[in-house]
Structure formats: structure tokens, C-alpha cells
Protein backbone atom coordinates (compact mmCIF):
# COMPACT_ATOMS: atom_id res chain seq x y z
CA MET A 1 64.58 -1.49 -70.48
CA LYS A 2 67.36 -3.10 -72.44
CA SER A 3 65.45 -5.68 -74.51
CA ILE A 4 61.78 -5.70 -75.53
CA ALA A 5 60.24 -8.46 -77.63
CA LEU A 6 57.75 -7.25 -80.26
CA ILE A 7 55.56 -10.21 -81.20
CA THR A 8 52.89 -10.29 -83.89
CA ASN A 9 52.04 -11.87 -87.22
CA TYR A 10 54.03 -9.60 -89.53
CA ASN A 11 52.40 -11.25 -92.55
CA ILE A 12 49.23 -9.27 -91.78
CA PRO A 13 49.72 -5.64 -92.95
CA ASP A 14 47.57 -4.03 -90.25
CA LYS A 15 49.47 -5.80 -87.46
CA MET A 16 52.82 -5.05 -89.06
CA ASN A 17 51.94 -1.34 -89.27
CA VAL A 18 50.90 -1.25 -85.61
CA ALA A 19 54.17 -2.99 -84.70
CA ALA A 20 56.08 -0.27 -86.56
CA ALA A 21 54.12 2.40 -84.66
CA VAL A 22 54.93 0.65 -81.36
CA ALA A 23 58.62 0.51 -82.30
CA ASP A 24 58.59 4.23 -83.11
CA LYS A 25 56.91 4.98 -79.79
CA ILE A 26 59.52 2.97 -77.92
CA GLY A 27 62.30 4.64 -79.90
CA GLU A 28 65.76 4.41 -78.42
CA ARG A 29 64.45 3.82 -74.89
CA ALA A 30 65.03 0.13 -75.57
CA GLU A 31 68.52 -0.89 -76.66
CA GLN A 32 67.09 -3.86 -78.54
CA ILE A 33 63.67 -4.61 -79.99
CA LEU A 34 63.66 -8.36 -80.53
CA ILE A 35 61.84 -9.56 -83.67
CA PRO A 36 61.27 -13.18 -84.82
CA ALA A 37 63.91 -13.94 -87.44
CA ASN A 38 61.46 -15.49 -89.91
CA TYR A 39 59.92 -12.03 -90.51
CA LYS A 40 63.21 -10.22 -91.23
CA GLU A 41 62.92 -10.28 -95.03
CA ARG A 42 59.31 -9.09 -94.98
CA ILE A 43 60.11 -6.20 -92.64
CA PHE A 44 63.01 -5.04 -94.81
CA ARG A 45 60.91 -5.40 -97.95
CA ASN A 46 58.26 -3.10 -96.45
CA ARG A 47 60.94 -0.64 -95.28
CA LEU A 48 59.91 -0.97 -91.65
CA HIS A 49 63.28 -1.95 -90.22
CA ARG A 50 64.47 0.20 -87.31
CA SER A 51 68.06 0.63 -86.12
CA ASN A 52 67.45 -1.18 -82.82
CA PHE A 53 65.68 -4.21 -84.36
CA VAL A 54 67.47 -7.47 -83.58
CA TYR A 55 66.25 -10.63 -85.33
CA LYS A 56 66.40 -13.88 -83.38
CA GLU A 57 64.76 -17.28 -83.14
CA ILE A 58 61.60 -17.21 -81.05
CA ASP A 59 62.98 -19.22 -78.10
CA SER A 60 65.95 -16.87 -77.81
CA ILE A 61 63.63 -13.88 -77.91
CA TYR A 62 61.64 -15.06 -74.89
CA SER A 63 64.74 -15.93 -72.87
CA GLU A 64 66.41 -12.55 -73.51
CA ALA A 65 63.45 -10.16 -73.28
CA GLU A 66 62.62 -8.09 -70.22
CA LEU A 67 59.12 -7.43 -71.59
CA ALA A 68 57.09 -8.97 -74.40
CA ILE A 69 54.68 -6.71 -76.28
CA VAL A 70 52.13 -8.76 -78.21
CA ILE A 71 49.97 -7.33 -80.99
CA GLY A 72 46.95 -9.54 -81.62
CA GLY A 73 43.95 -11.03 -79.90
CA ASP A 74 43.54 -13.06 -76.72
CA GLY A 75 44.92 -16.18 -78.40
CA SER A 76 48.17 -14.42 -79.24
CA VAL A 77 48.55 -13.05 -75.71
CA LEU A 78 47.72 -16.46 -74.27
CA GLU A 79 50.32 -18.28 -76.36
CA THR A 80 53.04 -15.75 -75.57
CA THR A 81 52.21 -15.70 -71.86
CA ARG A 82 52.42 -19.50 -71.65
CA ARG A 83 55.96 -19.26 -73.05
CA THR A 84 57.13 -16.32 -70.97
CA ALA A 85 55.58 -17.26 -67.61
CA PRO A 86 58.25 -19.86 -66.67
CA LEU A 87 60.89 -17.23 -67.44
CA GLY A 88 59.23 -14.51 -65.34
CA VAL A 89 58.86 -12.20 -68.35
CA PRO A 90 55.79 -9.91 -68.25
CA VAL A 91 53.51 -9.46 -71.27
CA LEU A 92 51.69 -6.36 -72.51
CA GLY A 93 48.96 -6.99 -75.09
CA ILE A 94 47.77 -4.58 -77.79
CA ASN A 95 44.38 -5.62 -79.10
CA MET A 96 44.02 -6.49 -82.77
CA GLY A 97 41.47 -9.24 -82.16
CA ARG A 98 37.75 -9.37 -81.48
CA ILE A 99 37.38 -9.19 -77.69
CA GLY A 100 40.85 -8.57 -76.33
CA TYR A 101 39.98 -9.40 -72.74
CA MET A 102 43.61 -10.23 -71.91
CA THR A 103 45.06 -7.27 -73.79
CA GLU A 104 45.79 -3.92 -72.16
CA LEU A 105 45.79 -1.33 -74.97
CA GLU A 106 43.95 -0.56 -78.20
CA PRO A 107 45.99 0.60 -81.23
CA ASP A 108 44.89 4.21 -80.63
CA GLU A 109 46.27 4.16 -77.06
CA LEU A 110 49.97 3.78 -77.83
CA ASP A 111 50.80 7.01 -75.98
CA LEU A 112 50.23 5.01 -72.79
CA LEU A 113 53.40 3.05 -73.58
CA ASP A 114 55.26 5.98 -72.01
CA SER A 115 54.08 4.64 -68.64
CA VAL A 116 56.19 1.53 -69.17
CA PHE A 117 59.36 3.59 -69.21
CA SER A 118 58.34 5.98 -66.44
CA GLY A 119 57.58 3.08 -64.09
CA LYS A 120 53.87 3.90 -63.88
CA PHE A 121 52.65 0.32 -64.33
CA THR A 122 51.57 -2.66 -62.29
CA LEU A 123 52.13 -6.38 -62.75
CA ASP A 124 48.94 -8.41 -62.73
CA GLU A 125 49.97 -11.91 -61.66
CA ARG A 126 47.73 -14.76 -62.80
CA ALA A 127 47.49 -18.32 -61.49
CA MET A 128 48.24 -21.23 -63.79
CA LEU A 129 47.45 -24.95 -63.70
CA SER A 130 49.84 -27.88 -63.70
CA VAL A 131 48.43 -30.65 -65.90
CA GLU A 132 49.65 -34.25 -66.16
CA ILE A 133 48.30 -37.37 -67.86
CA VAL A 134 49.04 -40.49 -65.84
CA SER A 135 48.44 -44.07 -67.02
CA GLN A 136 46.81 -46.77 -64.90
CA SER A 137 50.31 -48.02 -64.04
CA GLY A 138 51.32 -44.58 -62.73
CA GLN A 139 53.48 -43.54 -65.69
CA VAL A 140 53.45 -39.79 -66.45
CA LYS A 141 52.75 -39.60 -70.19
CA PHE A 142 52.32 -35.85 -70.64
CA ARG A 143 52.96 -32.68 -68.67
CA ALA A 144 52.04 -29.05 -69.40
CA GLU A 145 50.96 -25.80 -67.77
CA ALA A 146 47.77 -23.92 -68.56
CA LEU A 147 46.89 -20.26 -68.11
CA ASN A 148 43.27 -20.66 -69.23
CA GLU A 149 42.08 -24.24 -68.99
CA ALA A 150 42.45 -27.95 -69.53
CA VAL A 151 39.62 -29.63 -71.47
CA ILE A 152 38.88 -33.34 -71.63
CA ALA A 153 36.55 -34.25 -74.49
CA ASN A 154 36.04 -36.67 -77.37
CA GLY A 155 37.92 -34.56 -79.88
CA ALA A 156 36.50 -34.05 -83.36
CA ALA A 157 33.45 -36.28 -82.80
CA ALA A 158 30.62 -34.67 -80.80
CA ARG A 159 29.72 -37.72 -78.70
CA ILE A 160 28.98 -38.00 -75.00
CA VAL A 161 31.83 -39.32 -72.87
CA ASP A 162 32.08 -40.70 -69.33
CA LEU A 163 34.45 -39.08 -66.85
CA GLU A 164 35.12 -39.46 -63.14
CA LEU A 165 36.17 -36.45 -61.07
CA THR A 166 37.90 -36.82 -57.71
CA ASP A 167 39.64 -34.40 -55.33
CA ARG A 168 42.46 -35.99 -53.30
CA ASP A 169 40.94 -39.40 -54.16
CA GLU A 170 37.51 -38.40 -52.80
CA LEU A 171 34.83 -38.91 -55.45
CA VAL A 172 33.21 -35.65 -56.52
CA ASN A 173 31.01 -36.86 -59.38
CA THR A 174 30.83 -38.97 -62.50
CA TYR A 175 29.79 -37.15 -65.66
CA ARG A 176 28.12 -38.06 -68.91
CA ALA A 177 28.79 -34.98 -71.00
CA ASP A 178 30.49 -33.68 -74.12
CA GLY A 179 33.48 -32.93 -71.91
CA LEU A 180 34.82 -31.25 -68.83
CA VAL A 181 36.56 -27.85 -68.54
CA ILE A 182 38.95 -27.22 -65.66
CA ALA A 183 39.80 -23.52 -65.66
CA THR A 184 41.76 -20.88 -63.80
CA PRO A 185 40.02 -17.62 -62.85
CA THR A 186 41.64 -16.13 -65.98
CA GLY A 187 40.17 -18.95 -68.07
CA SER A 188 36.72 -18.47 -66.54
CA THR A 189 35.98 -15.91 -69.29
CA ALA A 190 36.96 -18.31 -72.09
CA TYR A 191 35.64 -21.81 -72.91
CA SER A 192 34.35 -22.29 -69.36
CA LEU A 193 32.10 -19.23 -69.77
CA SER A 194 30.76 -20.54 -73.09
CA ALA A 195 29.94 -23.85 -71.38
CA GLY A 196 27.89 -22.06 -68.72
CA GLY A 197 30.54 -21.56 -66.06
CA PRO A 198 30.84 -18.52 -63.77
CA ILE A 199 32.94 -15.40 -64.37
CA VAL A 200 35.58 -15.37 -61.63
CA ASP A 201 37.70 -12.42 -60.51
CA PRO A 202 41.36 -13.32 -61.22
CA LYS A 203 42.28 -12.19 -57.71
CA LEU A 204 40.45 -15.21 -56.28
CA SER A 205 42.40 -18.38 -55.52
CA CYS A 206 40.29 -21.13 -57.01
CA ILE A 207 39.80 -23.68 -59.80
CA CYS A 208 36.59 -23.86 -61.85
CA VAL A 209 35.17 -27.16 -63.13
CA THR A 210 32.45 -26.86 -65.77
CA PRO A 211 30.77 -29.77 -67.57
CA VAL A 212 30.15 -29.25 -71.29
CA CYS A 213 26.56 -30.10 -72.30
CA PRO A 214 26.04 -32.57 -69.42
CA HIS A 215 23.44 -35.31 -69.83
CA SER A 216 21.93 -34.40 -66.47
CA LEU A 217 19.97 -31.50 -65.04
CA LEU A 218 21.92 -31.85 -61.78
CA ALA A 219 25.43 -31.41 -63.20
CA ARG A 220 26.47 -27.86 -62.38
CA PRO A 221 29.74 -25.90 -62.44
CA LEU A 222 31.85 -26.33 -59.30
CA ILE A 223 34.39 -24.02 -57.65
CA PHE A 224 37.29 -25.62 -55.76
CA PRO A 225 40.00 -23.95 -53.67
CA ASP A 226 43.33 -23.75 -55.46
CA THR A 227 44.70 -26.27 -52.95
CA ALA A 228 42.56 -28.96 -54.62
CA GLU A 229 44.23 -31.97 -56.26
CA LEU A 230 41.80 -32.80 -59.03
CA LYS A 231 41.89 -36.01 -61.02
CA VAL A 232 39.73 -36.59 -64.10
CA LYS A 233 39.72 -40.27 -65.09
CA ASN A 234 38.67 -41.60 -68.49
CA ILE A 235 36.02 -44.24 -67.69
CA CYS A 236 34.50 -44.16 -71.19
CA ALA A 237 34.77 -47.77 -72.37
CA ARG A 238 32.93 -47.25 -75.67
CA GLU A 239 35.43 -44.70 -77.06
CA LYS A 240 38.93 -45.74 -78.12
CA VAL A 241 40.52 -42.50 -76.94
CA LEU A 242 39.65 -39.10 -75.49
CA HIS A 243 41.67 -35.90 -75.84
CA LEU A 244 43.10 -33.48 -73.31
CA THR A 245 43.59 -29.98 -74.73
CA VAL A 246 45.59 -27.32 -72.86
CA ASP A 247 44.76 -23.68 -73.58
CA GLY A 248 43.31 -24.66 -76.96
CA ARG A 249 46.84 -25.28 -78.27
CA VAL A 250 48.35 -28.54 -77.05
CA THR A 251 46.41 -31.81 -77.35
CA PHE A 252 47.27 -35.25 -75.98
CA GLU A 253 45.48 -38.59 -76.10
CA MET A 254 43.82 -40.10 -73.02
CA PHE A 255 43.14 -43.82 -73.25
CA TYR A 256 40.68 -45.75 -71.11
CA GLY A 257 41.92 -45.72 -67.51
CA ASP A 258 44.24 -42.73 -68.00
CA SER A 259 43.81 -39.81 -65.60
CA ALA A 260 44.46 -36.08 -65.90
CA LEU A 261 45.95 -34.71 -62.67
CA ILE A 262 45.30 -30.99 -62.33
CA THR A 263 46.65 -28.76 -59.57
CA LYS A 264 47.72 -25.17 -59.08
CA SER A 265 51.09 -24.51 -60.72
CA ALA A 266 53.99 -22.85 -58.95
CA THR A 267 54.39 -20.71 -62.09
CA ARG A 268 52.49 -17.44 -62.31
CA ALA A 269 51.89 -15.46 -65.48
CA LYS A 270 52.58 -11.71 -65.45
CA LEU A 271 50.47 -9.23 -67.42
CA LEU A 272 51.70 -5.64 -67.46
CA ARG A 273 49.01 -3.03 -66.82
CA VAL A 274 49.27 0.71 -67.48
CA LYS A 275 45.59 1.63 -67.12
CA ASP A 276 43.67 2.09 -63.88
CA GLU A 277 40.94 -0.34 -64.87
CA GLY A 278 39.34 -2.80 -62.45
CA PHE A 279 38.04 -6.29 -63.12
CA CYS A 280 34.37 -5.27 -63.37
CA SER A 281 35.16 -2.35 -65.69
CA LYS A 282 37.16 -4.67 -67.95
CA ILE A 283 34.46 -7.28 -68.38
CA ARG A 284 31.78 -4.61 -68.75
CA LEU A 285 33.70 -2.79 -71.48
CA LYS A 286 34.36 -6.10 -73.26
CA LYS A 287 30.61 -6.82 -73.03
CA LEU A 288 31.03 -9.99 -70.97
CA LEU A 289 28.34 -8.75 -68.57
């Protein structure tokens, strides 16, 4: 490979040291190892610069890389994958977090990086969601893509809200709850799981809808085909504004009458795998079962 992005928080010594070990393992098999420019001084100060390090702004890194190696937890992998997915760049995660469900390797498994260069890897493609906020007049106010989930809730205040869920304009249900989580199969092991939703194999083509603390014994998680055209409308008259949060990173306001339109995205995320580890083995080892 010509260019590999090496992404981590170089301000944390443990992560910086693992990044240096990864760079040494890659060696000269990559012409360029792309590093965020804002860490250049710190890397030189710690004498961890390598001859093939090239320092660039983060957007340039993602557009030029053939592979992004991320050292961190699931949040770091998630953020990088959201940026690289539209560009078709695969991501390989090295776990320096707590669970590391989306990561592929532990720091003591760096020898497996050899498989990247010998072609002994697979690309695990993951579905994403297209998310839009549309006003009552039909104006698109916000647009984003989610790898994990879109969440509609009250925001900082823990108060019950009222939401209406439809699929292709057919009423599914109205909810009184703390919020609603609309998740991909990948996101089924994140917030949706914490809210009582099912664990879904990423190979399945579906969308999960899970109410958060519903004020009803009858409100249960729902599984829709990925051909669904879901619309969540803010019908909560007593609250000034609700909030839509995408992948725990991007938040936008939803006023009364606004709707979140959620469908399967044409974009697919790519996670690079070098271990022969199935879905059930992964969640069992990460103690999700």
C-alpha cells in the first residue's frame, strides 16, 4: 500500500507508543504513513518520527489514504469510519478502549498486521443510515449519515417526550418516552442495546427502532427491513425543542412539527478484518452475551 493513515490521540503516551510500534511494524511497506499535522511537534519532541511519516491536515489524510489504522476505542473507530466511508477507505481498529467491539486487534497482536500486506484480509462492509431533518414546510434543515444510530430525545433534561413513528406514511406508533433510538445492525450493540434493544448480526439487512424508557408496558423494540422509510415526528408541544444526535457526535435541533427522515444510506462503511472471528465469537469475547 502506498499511503496508510495512522490515527490516534498522540497526546496520550500509551496510544502514541502503540502508534510508534504500528509504524515500525509497517516499516517501509508503506511509502507514506499519514499523521495529523497538529501532532507533528509532539512526535518529534518524543523522538518518534519515522522517515516515511508525512504530516497533513486531517481532511487531506482521509482523502489520500488507502487504509486508515485507528488506535483507540469504539468511539475513535466510529468517528474515523464515518469520515472514510464516503471515500471508500477501509478502517482497521486497534483497541485501546474499554470494549473495542468495532476494533480488530489488541496491542499485543500487531504481528497480524503482516496479513494486511500479504493480502490475507477481508473487508467487512457495514450498512449506514441516511438521516434528514425536514420542517413542516418540507425544507431540509439537516443531513447526515450514521453508522451506529440516530437518537431523538430531549437533550440534557431527562423529561418524557412525545414522538410519532411512521413507515412510508403508515402510522407505526406514538411514543411517550425519554427518546427513540433508530439503529443499524452495527449500532445494535451500542445505545440501542443499553435501551433494551436486540443484538443484531451485521450481516442482516434491517433497521432497529428502540424506545428509551417508554411510558408504556406495550412499547417494545421493532425490527424493520432496510427498505423502510421511517419518519419520526416531533409532536411534543410542551417542549420548546428536541435534539437529534447522530452517532453520539453530531446534534441538531428538532422543533415542534419537524420530522427526522431515516432510510438506508447508499454509503457502506468498510472495516478491515485479519482474524477468522465470527459475529458470535466477537460478542462473546467482548462479554456482550
